Protein backbone atom coordinates (compact mmCIF):
# COMPACT_ATOMS: atom_id res chain seq x y z
CA UNK A 1 29.29 117.12 111.57
CA UNK A 2 31.97 115.88 113.93
CA UNK A 3 31.16 112.21 112.70
CA UNK A 4 32.06 113.24 109.24
CA UNK A 5 35.14 115.07 110.51
CA UNK A 6 36.21 111.83 112.25
CA UNK A 7 35.96 109.81 109.14
CA UNK A 8 38.11 112.50 107.26
CA UNK A 9 40.63 112.28 110.16
CA UNK A 10 40.81 108.54 109.80
CA UNK A 11 41.36 108.70 106.10
CA UNK A 12 44.11 111.45 106.64
CA UNK A 13 45.82 109.00 109.04
CA UNK A 14 45.68 106.18 106.32
CA UNK A 15 46.96 108.43 103.54
CA UNK A 16 49.82 109.75 105.59
CA UNK A 17 51.00 106.14 106.27
CA UNK A 18 50.55 105.33 102.61
CA UNK A 19 52.62 108.23 101.01
CA UNK A 20 55.67 107.09 102.67
CA UNK A 21 55.44 103.51 101.50
CA UNK A 22 58.20 102.57 98.91
CA UNK A 23 55.77 100.87 96.49
CA UNK A 24 53.61 104.07 96.35
CA UNK A 25 56.65 106.33 95.89
CA UNK A 26 57.59 104.10 92.98
CA UNK A 27 54.18 104.45 91.32
CA UNK A 28 54.10 108.14 90.18
CA UNK A 29 50.46 108.19 89.30
CA UNK A 30 49.34 106.82 92.52
CA UNK A 31 51.86 109.01 94.52
CA UNK A 32 50.70 112.31 92.95
CA UNK A 33 46.87 111.45 93.51
CA UNK A 34 47.59 110.41 97.17
CA UNK A 35 49.76 113.59 97.64
CA UNK A 36 46.79 115.76 96.31
CA UNK A 37 44.37 113.94 98.65
CA UNK A 38 46.76 114.49 101.65
CA UNK A 39 46.73 118.28 101.10
CA UNK A 40 43.15 118.42 100.80
CA UNK A 41 42.53 116.32 103.82
CA UNK A 42 45.09 118.33 105.85
CA UNK A 43 43.00 121.49 105.44
CA UNK A 44 39.85 119.59 106.72
CA UNK A 45 41.80 117.97 109.37
CA UNK A 46 43.08 121.49 110.72
CA UNK A 47 39.53 122.93 110.51
CA UNK A 48 38.54 119.87 112.61
CA UNK A 49 40.92 120.61 115.40
CA UNK A 50 39.51 124.22 115.59
CA UNK A 51 35.87 122.97 115.47
CA UNK A 52 36.67 120.29 118.29
CA UNK A 53 38.40 123.02 120.57
CA UNK A 54 35.38 125.46 119.91
CA UNK A 55 32.81 122.75 120.97
CA UNK A 56 34.78 121.64 123.97
CA UNK A 57 35.11 125.38 125.05
CA UNK A 58 31.41 125.71 124.96
CA UNK A 59 30.80 122.55 126.88
CA UNK A 60 33.37 123.60 129.64
CA UNK A 61 31.86 127.05 129.85
CA UNK A 62 28.24 125.56 130.13
CA UNK A 63 29.73 123.35 133.14
CA UNK A 64 31.17 126.30 134.87
CA UNK A 65 28.13 128.45 134.42
CA UNK A 66 25.93 125.48 135.54
CA UNK A 67 27.97 125.10 138.66
CA UNK A 68 28.00 128.85 139.37
CA UNK A 69 30.17 128.60 142.76
CA UNK A 70 32.77 131.01 141.44
CA UNK A 71 31.28 134.37 140.11
CA UNK A 72 34.65 135.35 138.41
CA UNK A 73 34.99 132.01 136.77
CA UNK A 74 31.40 132.16 135.55
CA UNK A 75 32.08 135.60 133.97
CA UNK A 76 35.07 134.37 132.10
CA UNK A 77 33.09 131.36 131.04
CA UNK A 78 30.38 133.43 129.60
CA UNK A 79 32.89 135.47 127.48
CA UNK A 80 34.60 132.26 126.35
CA UNK A 81 31.22 130.76 125.35
CA UNK A 82 30.09 133.84 123.52
CA UNK A 83 33.41 134.05 121.55
CA UNK A 84 33.13 130.27 120.65
CA UNK A 85 29.56 130.59 119.63
CA UNK A 86 30.18 133.54 117.51
CA UNK A 87 33.08 131.80 115.68
CA UNK A 88 31.23 128.44 115.23
CA UNK A 89 28.67 129.30 112.40
CA UNK A 90 31.33 130.78 110.13
CA UNK A 91 33.64 127.81 110.64
CA UNK A 92 30.61 125.27 110.10
CA UNK A 93 29.93 126.89 106.57
CA UNK A 94 33.67 126.64 105.75
CA UNK A 95 33.79 123.07 106.68
CA UNK A 96 30.40 122.28 104.87
CA UNK A 97 32.15 123.66 101.68
CA UNK A 98 35.38 121.65 102.22
CA UNK A 99 33.33 118.52 102.63
CA UNK A 100 31.81 118.73 99.18
CA UNK A 101 33.92 116.51 96.87
CA UNK A 102 36.38 118.72 95.04
CA UNK A 103 36.50 119.05 91.22
CA UNK A 104 39.59 117.01 90.41
CA UNK A 105 40.25 119.46 87.41
CA UNK A 106 40.62 122.47 89.78
CA UNK A 107 44.12 121.67 90.70
CA UNK A 108 45.47 121.47 87.14
CA UNK A 109 47.68 123.83 85.25
CA UNK A 110 45.83 125.35 82.14
CA UNK A 111 46.49 126.10 78.51
CA UNK A 112 44.67 129.39 77.61
CA UNK A 113 43.82 130.37 74.07
CA UNK A 114 42.46 133.92 73.10
CA UNK A 115 41.27 134.27 69.62
CA UNK A 116 40.07 137.54 67.96
CA UNK A 117 36.39 137.23 66.94
CA UNK A 118 34.13 139.80 65.31
CA UNK A 119 35.55 143.26 64.67
CA UNK A 120 38.64 142.75 62.39
CA UNK A 121 41.81 144.68 63.52
CA UNK A 122 40.08 145.93 66.76
CA UNK A 123 39.28 142.44 67.61
CA UNK A 124 43.06 141.38 67.47
CA UNK A 125 43.89 144.45 69.59
CA UNK A 126 41.33 143.59 72.12
CA UNK A 127 42.80 139.89 72.26
CA UNK A 128 46.12 141.44 73.10
CA UNK A 129 44.59 143.47 75.88
CA UNK A 130 43.08 140.36 77.20
CA UNK A 131 46.27 138.40 77.04
CA UNK A 132 48.15 141.25 79.01
CA UNK A 133 45.26 141.43 81.60
CA UNK A 134 45.70 137.65 82.18
CA UNK A 135 49.49 137.83 82.27
CA UNK A 136 49.56 140.55 84.85
CA UNK A 137 46.94 138.54 86.93
CA UNK A 138 48.89 135.40 86.77
CA UNK A 139 51.89 137.45 87.84
CA UNK A 140 50.17 138.70 90.78
CA UNK A 141 49.05 135.25 91.82
CA UNK A 142 52.77 134.06 91.61
CA UNK A 143 51.70 131.92 88.55
CA UNK A 144 54.10 131.29 85.73
CA UNK A 145 53.01 131.99 82.06
CA UNK A 146 54.64 130.65 78.88
CA UNK A 147 53.68 131.46 75.32
CA UNK A 148 53.21 128.32 73.16
CA UNK A 149 52.21 129.83 69.92
CA UNK A 150 50.71 133.24 68.63
CA UNK A 151 49.66 134.91 65.38
CA UNK A 152 50.01 138.68 65.49
CA UNK A 153 47.31 141.03 64.11
CA UNK A 154 48.21 143.51 61.36
CA UNK A 155 47.47 146.61 63.58
CA UNK A 156 48.85 145.16 66.89
CA UNK A 157 47.55 142.57 69.32
CA UNK A 158 46.81 138.98 68.30
CA UNK A 159 44.60 137.05 65.90
CA UNK A 160 45.42 134.19 68.38
CA UNK A 161 47.63 133.46 71.19
CA UNK A 162 48.10 130.21 73.23
CA UNK A 163 50.01 130.23 76.42
CA UNK A 164 50.30 127.84 79.45
CA UNK A 165 49.73 128.83 83.03
CA UNK A 166 51.54 126.85 86.01
CA UNK A 167 50.61 127.21 89.63
CA UNK A 168 48.35 126.31 92.40
CA UNK A 169 44.54 125.75 91.59
CA UNK A 170 45.01 127.34 88.27
CA UNK A 171 41.94 125.74 86.49
CA UNK A 172 39.70 126.04 89.60
CA UNK A 173 40.41 129.91 89.35
CA UNK A 174 40.60 130.56 85.68
CA UNK A 175 37.91 128.31 84.39
CA UNK A 176 35.26 131.29 85.00
CA UNK A 177 37.11 133.14 82.04
CA UNK A 178 36.17 130.86 79.44
CA UNK A 179 33.72 132.30 76.91
CA UNK A 180 33.07 135.33 74.67
CA UNK A 181 34.52 138.63 75.90
CA UNK A 182 32.99 141.74 74.21
CA UNK A 183 34.62 145.23 74.08
CA UNK A 184 32.74 148.57 73.27
CA UNK A 185 35.11 151.43 72.63
CA UNK A 186 36.28 153.67 69.88
CA UNK A 187 38.92 151.72 67.77
CA UNK A 188 42.35 153.42 67.13
CA UNK A 189 41.40 153.10 63.48
CA UNK A 190 38.11 154.96 63.65
CA UNK A 191 38.22 158.56 62.45
CA UNK A 192 34.74 159.43 63.28
CA UNK A 193 34.87 158.77 67.01
CA UNK A 194 32.04 156.07 66.85
CA UNK A 195 31.94 153.30 69.42
CA UNK A 196 32.37 149.79 67.95
CA UNK A 197 31.59 146.37 69.47
CA UNK A 198 34.18 143.73 69.03
CA UNK A 199 34.80 140.25 70.63
CA UNK A 200 37.44 137.69 71.50
CA UNK A 201 36.99 134.16 72.72
CA UNK A 202 38.95 132.95 75.80
CA UNK A 203 39.41 129.15 76.04
CA UNK A 204 40.58 127.60 79.42
CA UNK A 205 41.74 123.83 78.96
CA UNK A 206 43.12 121.99 81.84
CA UNK A 207 46.46 120.53 81.16
CA UNK A 208 46.31 116.89 80.82
CA UNK A 209 49.04 114.62 82.57
CA UNK A 210 50.71 111.91 80.54
CA UNK A 211 48.52 109.37 82.29
CA UNK A 212 45.08 111.25 81.66
CA UNK A 213 45.43 110.76 77.79
CA UNK A 214 47.00 108.10 75.72
CA UNK A 215 47.89 109.26 72.38
CA UNK A 216 48.84 106.44 69.66
CA UNK A 217 51.68 107.83 67.61
CA UNK A 218 50.08 106.24 64.53
CA UNK A 219 47.22 108.69 64.97
CA UNK A 220 49.34 111.82 64.82
CA UNK A 221 50.72 113.53 61.53
CA UNK A 222 53.76 115.70 62.34
CA UNK A 223 54.84 118.67 59.98
CA UNK A 224 57.76 120.82 60.66
CA UNK A 225 58.01 124.43 59.41
CA UNK A 226 59.96 127.59 59.95
CA UNK A 227 58.95 129.88 62.88
CA UNK A 228 57.14 132.92 61.54
CA UNK A 229 56.78 136.55 62.59
CA UNK A 230 54.37 139.33 61.96
CA UNK A 231 52.49 138.97 58.84
CA UNK A 232 53.56 135.55 58.30
CA UNK A 233 57.38 136.20 57.35
CA UNK A 234 59.88 133.55 58.30
CA UNK A 235 61.94 134.55 61.19
CA UNK A 236 64.22 131.60 61.22
CA UNK A 237 65.49 129.30 58.60
CA UNK A 238 65.51 126.08 60.50
CA UNK A 239 62.53 124.00 60.59
CA UNK A 240 62.03 124.18 64.39
CA UNK A 241 58.17 124.88 64.49
CA UNK A 242 56.07 121.81 64.88
CA UNK A 243 52.24 121.32 63.89
CA UNK A 244 50.57 118.05 65.19
CA UNK A 245 47.32 116.78 63.60
CA UNK A 246 45.45 114.12 65.40
CA UNK A 247 43.86 112.33 62.41
CA UNK A 248 40.78 110.56 64.18
CA UNK A 249 39.48 113.86 65.70
CA UNK A 250 41.04 116.45 63.32
CA UNK A 251 42.36 118.53 66.25
CA UNK A 252 45.58 120.50 65.51
CA UNK A 253 48.23 121.66 68.01
CA UNK A 254 51.35 123.53 67.08
CA UNK A 255 54.26 125.35 68.87
CA UNK A 256 56.92 127.76 67.36
CA UNK A 257 58.06 129.46 70.71
CA UNK A 258 61.16 127.36 71.44
CA UNK A 259 64.39 127.39 69.16
CA UNK A 260 64.62 123.65 69.79
CA UNK A 261 62.37 121.29 67.46
CA UNK A 262 62.42 118.61 70.23
CA UNK A 263 60.95 121.25 72.72
CA UNK A 264 58.54 122.61 70.37
CA UNK A 265 57.39 119.00 69.84
CA UNK A 266 57.08 118.27 73.47
CA UNK A 267 54.92 121.38 73.95
CA UNK A 268 52.97 120.63 70.96
CA UNK A 269 52.09 117.04 72.29
CA UNK A 270 51.18 118.67 75.62
CA UNK A 271 48.76 120.89 74.13
CA UNK A 272 47.31 118.17 71.89
CA UNK A 273 46.69 115.82 75.14
CA UNK A 274 45.01 118.76 76.79
CA UNK A 275 42.56 119.41 73.80
CA UNK A 276 41.73 115.75 73.65
CA UNK A 277 41.11 115.80 77.44
CA UNK A 278 39.09 119.07 76.97
CA UNK A 279 36.88 117.33 74.42
CA UNK A 280 35.80 114.55 77.08
CA UNK A 281 35.51 117.35 79.85
CA UNK A 282 33.21 119.42 77.37
CA UNK A 283 30.93 116.42 77.23
CA UNK A 284 30.86 115.93 80.86
CA UNK A 285 30.23 119.68 81.57
CA UNK A 286 27.32 119.75 79.10
CA UNK A 287 25.74 116.78 80.94
CA UNK A 288 26.44 118.37 84.45
CA UNK A 289 24.99 121.80 83.24
CA UNK A 290 21.69 120.02 82.00
CA UNK A 291 21.30 118.45 85.46
CA UNK A 292 22.27 121.50 87.56
CA UNK A 293 21.34 124.78 85.54
CA UNK A 294 24.38 126.49 86.96
CA UNK A 295 24.60 130.04 86.60
CA UNK A 296 28.42 130.28 86.34
CA UNK A 297 29.34 127.12 84.41
CA UNK A 298 26.66 126.49 81.80
CA UNK A 299 28.86 124.13 79.49
CA UNK A 300 28.20 126.49 76.67
CA UNK A 301 31.46 127.82 75.70
CA UNK A 302 30.15 130.22 72.87
CA UNK A 303 28.39 132.07 75.47
CA UNK A 304 28.85 135.97 75.88
CA UNK A 305 30.17 136.21 79.46
CA UNK A 306 31.46 139.80 79.76
CA UNK A 307 31.50 143.17 78.31
CA UNK A 308 34.08 145.76 78.70
CA UNK A 309 32.62 149.34 78.15
CA UNK A 310 35.45 151.85 77.74
CA UNK A 311 33.10 155.16 77.33
CA UNK A 312 31.42 154.25 80.57
CA UNK A 313 34.53 152.86 82.31
CA UNK A 314 32.43 149.70 83.20
CA UNK A 315 32.82 145.82 83.19
CA UNK A 316 29.74 143.68 83.34
CA UNK A 317 29.68 140.02 83.94
CA UNK A 318 26.46 138.80 82.35
CA UNK A 319 26.18 135.50 84.05
CA UNK A 320 25.54 137.03 87.55
CA UNK A 321 24.63 140.69 86.74
CA UNK A 322 27.60 142.06 88.14
CA UNK A 323 28.71 145.67 86.96
CA UNK A 324 31.93 147.25 88.26
CA UNK A 325 32.97 150.83 87.28
CA UNK A 326 36.71 150.04 87.46
CA UNK A 327 37.69 149.02 83.86
CA UNK A 328 41.15 150.47 83.85
CA UNK A 329 42.30 148.39 87.13
CA UNK A 330 40.47 145.26 85.75
CA UNK A 331 42.05 145.47 82.33
CA UNK A 332 45.34 145.84 84.03
CA UNK A 333 45.01 142.61 85.84
CA UNK A 334 42.81 143.19 88.74
CA UNK A 335 40.36 140.27 87.64
CA UNK A 336 40.31 138.74 91.30
CA UNK A 337 37.25 140.86 92.35
CA UNK A 338 35.10 139.46 89.56
CA UNK A 339 36.53 135.87 89.92
CA UNK A 340 35.60 136.04 93.80
CA UNK A 341 32.06 136.88 93.05
CA UNK A 342 31.69 134.07 90.42
CA UNK A 343 33.30 131.59 93.07
CA UNK A 344 30.91 132.85 95.66
CA UNK A 345 27.85 132.08 93.39
CA UNK A 346 29.27 128.53 92.41
CA UNK A 347 29.97 127.90 96.11
CA UNK A 348 26.40 128.88 97.13
CA UNK A 349 25.08 126.68 94.40
CA UNK A 350 27.20 123.64 95.62
CA UNK A 351 26.04 124.26 99.22
CA UNK A 352 22.38 124.19 98.04
CA UNK A 353 22.97 120.96 96.10
CA UNK A 354 24.73 119.39 99.13
CA UNK A 355 22.28 120.66 101.71
CA UNK A 356 20.90 117.06 102.16
CA UNK A 357 24.27 115.77 103.13
CA UNK A 358 24.34 117.85 106.27
């Protein structure tokens, strides 16, 4: 393991020198890529230092114990060796995980889309509940959310809502939320008190950088329209809302959140770029899923992933068979406990795949 960590240290020293070179600073794409690599390598280099200290402590303690001339020193050496040997296995597992090549998507910001599915008005209300759940979760992580476009439901909630999330390792965390979410509860509109099942689809799209996707302006049709409020009524008289149609793929992106037409156009292009990037990513994920048969990232975006059962106060994640009787806290933004379990499963799968490396 130390050999691998020494190679990492060597590369870290190289990157440290490169990121202060004027020609690298002038090339934005290269600079951003190297900066990310520097941060990742720094984590490993710090772990390497701890690993080296622990192994040195064990070697020193073994020498003192073998010498045996000073009973007091031998006693201290035994304590030092026991502490180091106890800490080493956990550290080795952490290092193994860090040595697995990181998915470059994980660090990206995201565009999230929540759409009401089956269930009429109740599905729209549930889509609104999911949006609030994610908004509170993002706030607790110190991430910024920004609504891009929305279409309100007739009885509350949203027929669909699109928003961006900016922060650290956003896609790597929120990617587990993509799929069909189901709710079982008595709708506000139900007079007989019967439990209904409704659904909403969550999409999590990594936000593409300018240099990830090149869009030919000739391939994009741009339409301007008035921003609309509930029920489709126009809420302003200026044509500030923007709809982009990518003719080759038929993909549509629109934004009516900003008062400025220019800002809406900028945001809509950001969404369009991300959707085009996501098309390619979806193909890659399907190919990867076919190879790995992963539990938590199957590549099937229409899969039912989670059920929120209100009568029993439980949330079940169907991918890993996890059931928690803590619905109120989860729907109020405490999603981390589910994401932690999904990450644990994914990391275990990655370690199994990479076991031959070690």
